Amino acid sequence: MKKRYRVKDNETIKTILKRRDARKDGYFSIFKAPNTLPHFRYALSVPKTFGSAVKRNRIKRQLRMIIAEMDVKQSYDIFIIVQAKTQTLDYWSMKTRLETLLKKHKLI
């Protein structure tokens, strides 16, 4: 996925969180906010309680692949927070859980 699709600055993430438009299950929390760009952007957050840096980077790579495979609606900023118990999921169950949350948010 191209880097232009990533939200990197902290101020943008704070504005996404301030809107409080969230959907949560026990594994992921997804926040969304509209943007003025012709494409969507996303940010990922994996806490240190998830595990070592190797585990955190692995889950981020997997989530980037899942998001790249989905057809996300344009003009939204998405912030995904991964919970620590996501470690118990395999790739396919992570994908289905993330898809259901994005469908509840009406993003796909």
Protein backbone atom coordinates (compact mmCIF):
# COMPACT_ATOMS: atom_id res chain seq x y z
CA MET A 1 0.00 0.00 0.00
CA LYS A 2 1.34 3.43 -0.91
CA LYS A 3 2.48 5.75 1.84
CA ARG A 4 0.09 8.49 0.74
CA TYR A 5 -2.68 6.33 2.22
CA ARG A 6 -1.18 6.51 5.72
CA VAL A 7 -1.95 9.05 8.40
CA LYS A 8 1.31 9.88 10.11
CA ASP A 9 0.96 13.12 12.05
CA ASN A 10 -0.37 13.10 15.57
CA GLU A 11 -2.71 16.06 15.08
CA THR A 12 -4.71 14.26 12.38
CA ILE A 13 -5.04 11.20 14.58
CA LYS A 14 -6.27 13.38 17.43
CA THR A 15 -8.94 14.92 15.20
CA ILE A 16 -10.10 11.43 14.18
CA LEU A 17 -10.37 10.45 17.84
CA LYS A 18 -12.21 13.66 18.78
CA ARG A 19 -15.06 12.82 16.41
CA ARG A 20 -15.77 9.73 18.54
CA ASP A 21 -17.28 7.84 15.62
CA ALA A 22 -16.11 4.38 16.68
CA ARG A 23 -16.97 0.71 16.35
CA LYS A 24 -15.35 -1.83 18.64
CA ASP A 25 -15.22 -5.52 19.28
CA GLY A 26 -12.85 -7.31 21.61
CA TYR A 27 -10.06 -7.33 19.05
CA PHE A 28 -10.14 -4.01 17.16
CA SER A 29 -11.33 -0.44 17.67
CA ILE A 30 -11.98 1.53 14.50
CA PHE A 31 -12.47 5.30 14.43
CA LYS A 32 -13.40 7.24 11.29
CA ALA A 33 -13.56 10.85 10.17
CA PRO A 34 -14.23 12.42 6.76
CA ASN A 35 -11.38 14.05 4.87
CA THR A 36 -11.15 16.26 1.78
CA LEU A 37 -8.79 14.03 -0.19
CA PRO A 38 -9.89 11.90 -3.17
CA HIS A 39 -8.72 8.74 -1.36
CA PHE A 40 -8.93 7.18 2.08
CA ARG A 41 -6.13 7.22 4.64
CA TYR A 42 -5.51 5.00 7.64
CA ALA A 43 -3.37 4.75 10.75
CA LEU A 44 -2.58 1.70 12.88
CA SER A 45 -1.81 1.53 16.58
CA VAL A 46 -0.48 -1.60 18.26
CA PRO A 47 0.26 -1.18 21.99
CA LYS A 48 3.37 -2.52 23.68
CA THR A 49 1.20 -4.92 25.67
CA PHE A 50 0.75 -6.81 22.39
CA GLY A 51 4.28 -8.19 22.62
CA SER A 52 7.74 -7.65 21.28
CA ALA A 53 8.55 -5.33 18.38
CA VAL A 54 8.71 -8.33 16.06
CA LYS A 55 5.12 -9.32 16.92
CA ARG A 56 3.86 -5.75 16.63
CA ASN A 57 5.49 -5.24 13.24
CA ARG A 58 4.13 -8.56 11.99
CA ILE A 59 0.54 -7.65 12.88
CA LYS A 60 0.96 -4.25 11.24
CA ARG A 61 2.20 -5.86 8.02
CA GLN A 62 -0.75 -8.25 8.04
CA LEU A 63 -3.24 -5.43 8.63
CA ARG A 64 -1.73 -3.38 5.80
CA MET A 65 -2.23 -6.34 3.46
CA ILE A 66 -5.83 -6.81 4.63
CA ILE A 67 -6.61 -3.13 4.08
CA ALA A 68 -4.95 -3.18 0.65
CA GLU A 69 -7.21 -6.07 -0.42
CA MET A 70 -10.40 -4.29 0.66
CA ASP A 71 -12.36 -1.75 -1.35
CA VAL A 72 -12.58 1.08 1.19
CA LYS A 73 -14.79 4.09 0.45
CA GLN A 74 -13.04 7.29 -0.53
CA SER A 75 -12.66 10.48 1.52
CA TYR A 76 -12.34 8.96 4.99
CA ASP A 77 -9.57 8.80 7.56
CA ILE A 78 -9.52 5.53 9.51
CA PHE A 79 -7.70 4.85 12.77
CA ILE A 80 -7.39 1.21 13.86
CA ILE A 81 -6.35 0.26 17.38
CA VAL A 82 -5.36 -3.38 17.86
CA GLN A 83 -6.14 -4.98 21.22
CA ALA A 84 -3.71 -7.36 22.92
CA LYS A 85 -5.89 -10.45 22.56
CA THR A 86 -5.71 -10.20 18.76
CA GLN A 87 -2.61 -12.40 19.07
CA THR A 88 -4.89 -15.41 19.33
CA LEU A 89 -6.38 -14.82 15.87
CA ASP A 90 -5.00 -16.15 12.62
CA TYR A 91 -4.87 -14.08 9.41
CA TRP A 92 -8.27 -15.13 8.05
CA SER A 93 -10.18 -14.55 11.26
CA MET A 94 -8.51 -11.14 11.60
CA LYS A 95 -9.61 -10.33 8.07
CA THR A 96 -13.24 -11.33 8.70
CA ARG A 97 -13.42 -9.39 11.99
CA LEU A 98 -11.95 -6.29 10.39
CA GLU A 99 -14.34 -6.59 7.42
CA THR A 100 -17.37 -6.84 9.69
CA LEU A 101 -16.31 -3.77 11.65
CA LEU A 102 -15.71 -1.79 8.46
CA LYS A 103 -19.11 -2.88 7.16
CA LYS A 104 -20.74 -1.70 10.39
CA HIS A 105 -19.00 1.63 9.85
CA LYS A 106 -20.28 1.62 6.22
CA LEU A 107 -16.74 1.99 4.91
CA ILE A 108 -16.83 -0.97 2.51
